[in-house]
Amino acid sequence: MEEKQITTMKDAQKLLKFFAERNNWKDVPNVDKFDHLHEELIEMSQHLRYKSEEERKKFVEENKEIFVDGIGDLFFGTCRLANQLDVNIEEAFNFVKKEIFEKYNHKNSENNLTKI
């Protein structure tokens, strides 16, 4: 049987809520989830630390699976954390997107993305 592909952040968050419930995991704020996300970021950054831009590009190209796995773990963990904090991940993204685009749009007006 083919596994259903998740195509939206909302679907991912709902799937992980169901997964947590099925495994009797509590969706309550948990410091461990923050630590897990921090560890994932550090693990990926260590592969690129002290390398030139060219070396970093080459390493990523040759070791893409490390970063696919790391980004996947980060997104999985971020969805779990959002559930623990009762935060709608799409609303959170759109809130921050608006703030960031407004903050940086003045630097290059032809690239104004506030309406996206």
N, C-alpha and C. Protein backbone atom coordinates (compact mmCIF):
# COMPACT_ATOMS: atom_id res chain seq x y z
N MET A 1 0.84 -1.17 0.00
CA MET A 1 0.00 0.00 0.00
C MET A 1 0.89 1.24 0.00
N GLU A 2 0.53 2.21 -0.84
CA GLU A 2 1.32 3.43 -0.95
C GLU A 2 0.96 4.40 0.17
N GLU A 3 1.98 4.99 0.77
CA GLU A 3 1.79 5.94 1.86
C GLU A 3 1.33 7.28 1.30
N LYS A 4 0.32 7.88 1.96
CA LYS A 4 -0.18 9.18 1.54
C LYS A 4 0.88 10.25 1.79
N GLN A 5 1.14 11.05 0.78
CA GLN A 5 2.12 12.13 0.90
C GLN A 5 1.48 13.35 1.54
N ILE A 6 2.18 13.96 2.46
CA ILE A 6 1.72 15.18 3.13
C ILE A 6 2.13 16.36 2.26
N THR A 7 1.17 17.24 1.97
CA THR A 7 1.48 18.36 1.07
C THR A 7 1.32 19.74 1.71
N THR A 8 0.78 19.80 2.92
CA THR A 8 0.64 21.10 3.58
C THR A 8 1.19 21.02 5.00
N MET A 9 1.56 22.18 5.51
CA MET A 9 2.03 22.23 6.90
C MET A 9 0.91 21.81 7.84
N LYS A 10 -0.31 22.21 7.52
CA LYS A 10 -1.46 21.88 8.36
C LYS A 10 -1.66 20.36 8.42
N ASP A 11 -1.54 19.70 7.27
CA ASP A 11 -1.67 18.23 7.24
C ASP A 11 -0.58 17.55 8.05
N ALA A 12 0.64 18.08 7.96
CA ALA A 12 1.76 17.51 8.73
C ALA A 12 1.48 17.65 10.22
N GLN A 13 1.02 18.81 10.63
CA GLN A 13 0.74 19.04 12.05
C GLN A 13 -0.38 18.11 12.53
N LYS A 14 -1.42 17.94 11.72
CA LYS A 14 -2.52 17.04 12.09
C LYS A 14 -2.05 15.59 12.18
N LEU A 15 -1.24 15.17 11.22
CA LEU A 15 -0.71 13.80 11.23
C LEU A 15 0.11 13.54 12.49
N LEU A 16 0.95 14.48 12.87
CA LEU A 16 1.78 14.30 14.06
C LEU A 16 0.96 14.35 15.35
N LYS A 17 -0.13 15.09 15.33
CA LYS A 17 -1.03 15.08 16.49
C LYS A 17 -1.64 13.68 16.63
N PHE A 18 -2.11 13.13 15.52
CA PHE A 18 -2.68 11.77 15.53
C PHE A 18 -1.62 10.75 15.95
N PHE A 19 -0.42 10.88 15.40
CA PHE A 19 0.70 9.97 15.72
C PHE A 19 1.01 10.00 17.21
N ALA A 20 1.06 11.20 17.78
CA ALA A 20 1.34 11.36 19.21
C ALA A 20 0.24 10.72 20.05
N GLU A 21 -1.01 10.97 19.67
CA GLU A 21 -2.13 10.37 20.41
C GLU A 21 -2.07 8.85 20.34
N ARG A 22 -1.81 8.31 19.18
CA ARG A 22 -1.74 6.86 18.98
C ARG A 22 -0.64 6.23 19.83
N ASN A 23 0.43 6.98 20.07
CA ASN A 23 1.56 6.48 20.85
C ASN A 23 1.50 6.92 22.32
N ASN A 24 0.35 7.48 22.70
CA ASN A 24 0.16 7.95 24.07
C ASN A 24 1.20 8.98 24.50
N TRP A 25 1.63 9.82 23.56
CA TRP A 25 2.53 10.91 23.88
C TRP A 25 1.68 12.11 24.27
N LYS A 26 2.08 12.80 25.30
CA LYS A 26 1.34 13.97 25.74
C LYS A 26 1.78 15.19 24.93
N ASP A 27 0.80 15.93 24.48
CA ASP A 27 1.10 17.19 23.79
C ASP A 27 1.02 18.33 24.79
N VAL A 28 2.02 18.37 25.65
CA VAL A 28 2.16 19.45 26.62
C VAL A 28 3.53 20.08 26.41
N PRO A 29 3.67 21.37 26.70
CA PRO A 29 4.99 22.01 26.51
C PRO A 29 6.10 21.18 27.15
N ASN A 30 7.17 21.00 26.39
CA ASN A 30 8.23 20.09 26.80
C ASN A 30 9.59 20.68 26.43
N VAL A 31 10.41 20.94 27.39
CA VAL A 31 11.74 21.51 27.15
C VAL A 31 12.57 20.57 26.28
N ASP A 32 12.35 19.28 26.40
CA ASP A 32 13.10 18.32 25.59
C ASP A 32 12.94 18.57 24.10
N LYS A 33 11.77 19.01 23.67
CA LYS A 33 11.54 19.26 22.23
C LYS A 33 12.40 20.44 21.77
N PHE A 34 12.53 21.48 22.60
CA PHE A 34 13.41 22.60 22.25
C PHE A 34 14.85 22.11 22.11
N ASP A 35 15.27 21.27 23.07
CA ASP A 35 16.63 20.73 23.03
C ASP A 35 16.85 19.86 21.80
N HIS A 36 15.84 19.06 21.45
CA HIS A 36 15.94 18.20 20.26
C HIS A 36 16.15 19.04 19.01
N LEU A 37 15.38 20.11 18.86
CA LEU A 37 15.52 20.98 17.69
C LEU A 37 16.90 21.63 17.66
N HIS A 38 17.37 22.08 18.80
CA HIS A 38 18.69 22.68 18.91
C HIS A 38 19.77 21.68 18.49
N GLU A 39 19.66 20.46 18.97
CA GLU A 39 20.64 19.42 18.63
C GLU A 39 20.65 19.13 17.13
N GLU A 40 19.47 19.10 16.51
CA GLU A 40 19.40 18.86 15.07
C GLU A 40 20.11 19.96 14.29
N LEU A 41 19.90 21.21 14.70
CA LEU A 41 20.55 22.33 14.02
C LEU A 41 22.07 22.26 14.18
N ILE A 42 22.51 21.96 15.39
CA ILE A 42 23.95 21.87 15.64
C ILE A 42 24.57 20.74 14.82
N GLU A 43 23.88 19.61 14.76
CA GLU A 43 24.39 18.46 14.00
C GLU A 43 24.62 18.84 12.54
N MET A 44 23.66 19.55 11.94
CA MET A 44 23.84 19.95 10.53
C MET A 44 24.92 21.02 10.40
N SER A 45 24.93 21.98 11.30
CA SER A 45 25.90 23.07 11.17
C SER A 45 27.34 22.58 11.33
N GLN A 46 27.54 21.54 12.12
CA GLN A 46 28.90 21.01 12.33
C GLN A 46 29.52 20.50 11.03
N HIS A 47 28.68 20.06 10.11
CA HIS A 47 29.19 19.58 8.82
C HIS A 47 29.73 20.72 7.97
N LEU A 48 29.27 21.93 8.24
CA LEU A 48 29.65 23.07 7.39
C LEU A 48 30.59 24.05 8.06
N ARG A 49 30.75 23.90 9.36
CA ARG A 49 31.57 24.81 10.13
C ARG A 49 33.02 24.80 9.64
N TYR A 50 33.63 25.96 9.61
CA TYR A 50 35.04 26.16 9.26
C TYR A 50 35.35 25.78 7.81
N LYS A 51 34.34 25.79 6.96
CA LYS A 51 34.56 25.53 5.54
C LYS A 51 34.30 26.83 4.76
N SER A 52 34.97 26.96 3.64
CA SER A 52 34.72 28.11 2.77
C SER A 52 33.35 27.92 2.10
N GLU A 53 32.89 28.97 1.44
CA GLU A 53 31.60 28.88 0.75
C GLU A 53 31.62 27.75 -0.28
N GLU A 54 32.68 27.65 -1.03
CA GLU A 54 32.79 26.59 -2.04
C GLU A 54 32.79 25.20 -1.40
N GLU A 55 33.53 25.05 -0.30
CA GLU A 55 33.56 23.76 0.40
C GLU A 55 32.19 23.40 0.95
N ARG A 56 31.47 24.40 1.45
CA ARG A 56 30.12 24.13 1.98
C ARG A 56 29.18 23.69 0.86
N LYS A 57 29.24 24.39 -0.27
CA LYS A 57 28.39 24.02 -1.41
C LYS A 57 28.68 22.59 -1.85
N LYS A 58 29.96 22.27 -1.97
CA LYS A 58 30.37 20.93 -2.41
C LYS A 58 29.92 19.87 -1.40
N PHE A 59 30.09 20.15 -0.11
CA PHE A 59 29.70 19.18 0.91
C PHE A 59 28.20 18.91 0.85
N VAL A 60 27.41 19.98 0.72
CA VAL A 60 25.95 19.81 0.65
C VAL A 60 25.58 19.00 -0.58
N GLU A 61 26.19 19.34 -1.72
CA GLU A 61 25.92 18.62 -2.96
C GLU A 61 26.21 17.12 -2.81
N GLU A 62 27.34 16.80 -2.21
CA GLU A 62 27.78 15.41 -2.09
C GLU A 62 27.13 14.66 -0.94
N ASN A 63 26.51 15.37 -0.01
CA ASN A 63 25.93 14.75 1.19
C ASN A 63 24.51 15.24 1.44
N LYS A 64 23.76 15.42 0.38
CA LYS A 64 22.41 15.98 0.46
C LYS A 64 21.53 15.23 1.46
N GLU A 65 21.70 13.90 1.56
CA GLU A 65 20.85 13.09 2.44
C GLU A 65 20.97 13.53 3.91
N ILE A 66 22.14 14.01 4.31
CA ILE A 66 22.32 14.50 5.69
C ILE A 66 21.35 15.65 5.96
N PHE A 67 21.23 16.55 4.98
CA PHE A 67 20.41 17.74 5.16
C PHE A 67 18.93 17.47 4.92
N VAL A 68 18.62 16.55 4.04
CA VAL A 68 17.22 16.13 3.86
C VAL A 68 16.72 15.52 5.17
N ASP A 69 17.52 14.64 5.76
CA ASP A 69 17.17 14.02 7.03
C ASP A 69 17.07 15.07 8.14
N GLY A 70 18.03 15.97 8.21
CA GLY A 70 18.04 16.99 9.25
C GLY A 70 16.87 17.94 9.15
N ILE A 71 16.58 18.42 7.95
CA ILE A 71 15.44 19.33 7.75
C ILE A 71 14.14 18.59 8.06
N GLY A 72 14.05 17.32 7.65
CA GLY A 72 12.87 16.52 7.98
C GLY A 72 12.69 16.38 9.48
N ASP A 73 13.79 16.09 10.19
CA ASP A 73 13.72 15.99 11.65
C ASP A 73 13.30 17.32 12.28
N LEU A 74 13.84 18.41 11.76
CA LEU A 74 13.48 19.74 12.28
C LEU A 74 11.99 20.02 12.07
N PHE A 75 11.50 19.71 10.88
CA PHE A 75 10.09 19.99 10.60
C PHE A 75 9.19 19.10 11.44
N PHE A 76 9.55 17.83 11.56
CA PHE A 76 8.80 16.90 12.41
C PHE A 76 8.76 17.45 13.84
N GLY A 77 9.92 17.81 14.36
CA GLY A 77 10.02 18.33 15.72
C GLY A 77 9.29 19.65 15.89
N THR A 78 9.33 20.50 14.87
CA THR A 78 8.64 21.78 14.93
C THR A 78 7.12 21.57 14.96
N CYS A 79 6.64 20.61 14.20
CA CYS A 79 5.21 20.29 14.23
C CYS A 79 4.82 19.76 15.61
N ARG A 80 5.65 18.90 16.18
CA ARG A 80 5.37 18.38 17.53
C ARG A 80 5.37 19.51 18.55
N LEU A 81 6.34 20.41 18.45
CA LEU A 81 6.41 21.53 19.38
C LEU A 81 5.19 22.44 19.21
N ALA A 82 4.80 22.70 17.98
CA ALA A 82 3.60 23.52 17.73
C ALA A 82 2.38 22.88 18.38
N ASN A 83 2.25 21.57 18.27
CA ASN A 83 1.13 20.88 18.91
C ASN A 83 1.22 21.00 20.43
N GLN A 84 2.42 20.86 20.97
CA GLN A 84 2.61 20.95 22.42
C GLN A 84 2.24 22.34 22.93
N LEU A 85 2.48 23.36 22.12
CA LEU A 85 2.21 24.74 22.52
C LEU A 85 0.85 25.24 22.03
N ASP A 86 0.10 24.35 21.35
CA ASP A 86 -1.20 24.69 20.78
C ASP A 86 -1.10 25.89 19.84
N VAL A 87 -0.12 25.82 18.93
CA VAL A 87 0.12 26.86 17.94
C VAL A 87 -0.18 26.29 16.56
N ASN A 88 -1.00 26.98 15.80
CA ASN A 88 -1.27 26.59 14.42
C ASN A 88 -0.03 26.96 13.60
N ILE A 89 0.64 25.96 13.04
CA ILE A 89 1.92 26.19 12.37
C ILE A 89 1.78 27.08 11.14
N GLU A 90 0.66 26.97 10.42
CA GLU A 90 0.46 27.83 9.25
C GLU A 90 0.23 29.28 9.67
N GLU A 91 -0.55 29.49 10.72
CA GLU A 91 -0.76 30.85 11.22
C GLU A 91 0.56 31.44 11.71
N ALA A 92 1.35 30.65 12.40
CA ALA A 92 2.64 31.13 12.91
C ALA A 92 3.56 31.52 11.75
N PHE A 93 3.61 30.68 10.72
CA PHE A 93 4.45 30.98 9.56
C PHE A 93 3.99 32.27 8.88
N ASN A 94 2.70 32.39 8.65
CA ASN A 94 2.18 33.58 7.97
C ASN A 94 2.38 34.84 8.79
N PHE A 95 2.28 34.74 10.11
CA PHE A 95 2.52 35.88 10.99
C PHE A 95 3.96 36.36 10.85
N VAL A 96 4.90 35.44 10.93
CA VAL A 96 6.31 35.78 10.85
C VAL A 96 6.69 36.20 9.43
N LYS A 97 6.13 35.52 8.43
CA LYS A 97 6.40 35.88 7.03
C LYS A 97 6.06 37.34 6.80
N LYS A 98 4.90 37.76 7.25
CA LYS A 98 4.47 39.15 7.07
C LYS A 98 5.45 40.10 7.74
N GLU A 99 5.83 39.80 8.98
CA GLU A 99 6.77 40.66 9.71
C GLU A 99 8.12 40.77 9.00
N ILE A 100 8.64 39.63 8.59
CA ILE A 100 9.97 39.62 7.95
C ILE A 100 9.94 40.32 6.60
N PHE A 101 8.91 40.04 5.78
CA PHE A 101 8.83 40.69 4.48
C PHE A 101 8.69 42.20 4.64
N GLU A 102 7.88 42.64 5.60
CA GLU A 102 7.73 44.09 5.82
C GLU A 102 9.05 44.70 6.29
N LYS A 103 9.77 43.99 7.11
CA LYS A 103 11.04 44.50 7.65
C LYS A 103 12.07 44.69 6.53
N TYR A 104 12.11 43.77 5.57
CA TYR A 104 13.17 43.81 4.56
C TYR A 104 12.73 44.35 3.21
N ASN A 105 11.46 44.59 2.99
CA ASN A 105 11.00 45.08 1.69
C ASN A 105 11.54 46.45 1.35
N HIS A 106 11.78 47.29 2.35
CA HIS A 106 12.26 48.64 2.08
C HIS A 106 13.65 48.64 1.44
N LYS A 107 14.36 47.53 1.55
CA LYS A 107 15.73 47.47 1.03
C LYS A 107 15.77 47.32 -0.48
N ASN A 108 14.69 46.79 -1.06
CA ASN A 108 14.66 46.57 -2.50
C ASN A 108 13.20 46.54 -2.94
N SER A 109 12.64 47.69 -3.27
CA SER A 109 11.20 47.81 -3.49
C SER A 109 10.68 46.95 -4.64
N GLU A 110 11.50 46.67 -5.66
CA GLU A 110 11.01 45.84 -6.77
C GLU A 110 10.81 44.37 -6.35
N ASN A 111 11.35 44.01 -5.20
CA ASN A 111 11.19 42.66 -4.69
C ASN A 111 10.13 42.60 -3.59
N ASN A 112 9.22 43.54 -3.54
CA ASN A 112 8.20 43.60 -2.50
C ASN A 112 7.33 42.35 -2.52
N LEU A 113 7.42 41.55 -1.46
CA LEU A 113 6.68 40.29 -1.39
C LEU A 113 5.57 40.33 -0.36
N THR A 114 5.22 41.49 0.14
CA THR A 114 4.25 41.57 1.23
C THR A 114 2.89 40.98 0.82
N LYS A 115 2.56 41.01 -0.42
CA LYS A 115 1.25 40.54 -0.88
C LYS A 115 1.23 39.03 -1.12
N ILE A 116 2.37 38.37 -1.09
CA ILE A 116 2.42 36.91 -1.35
C ILE A 116 1.93 36.16 -0.15
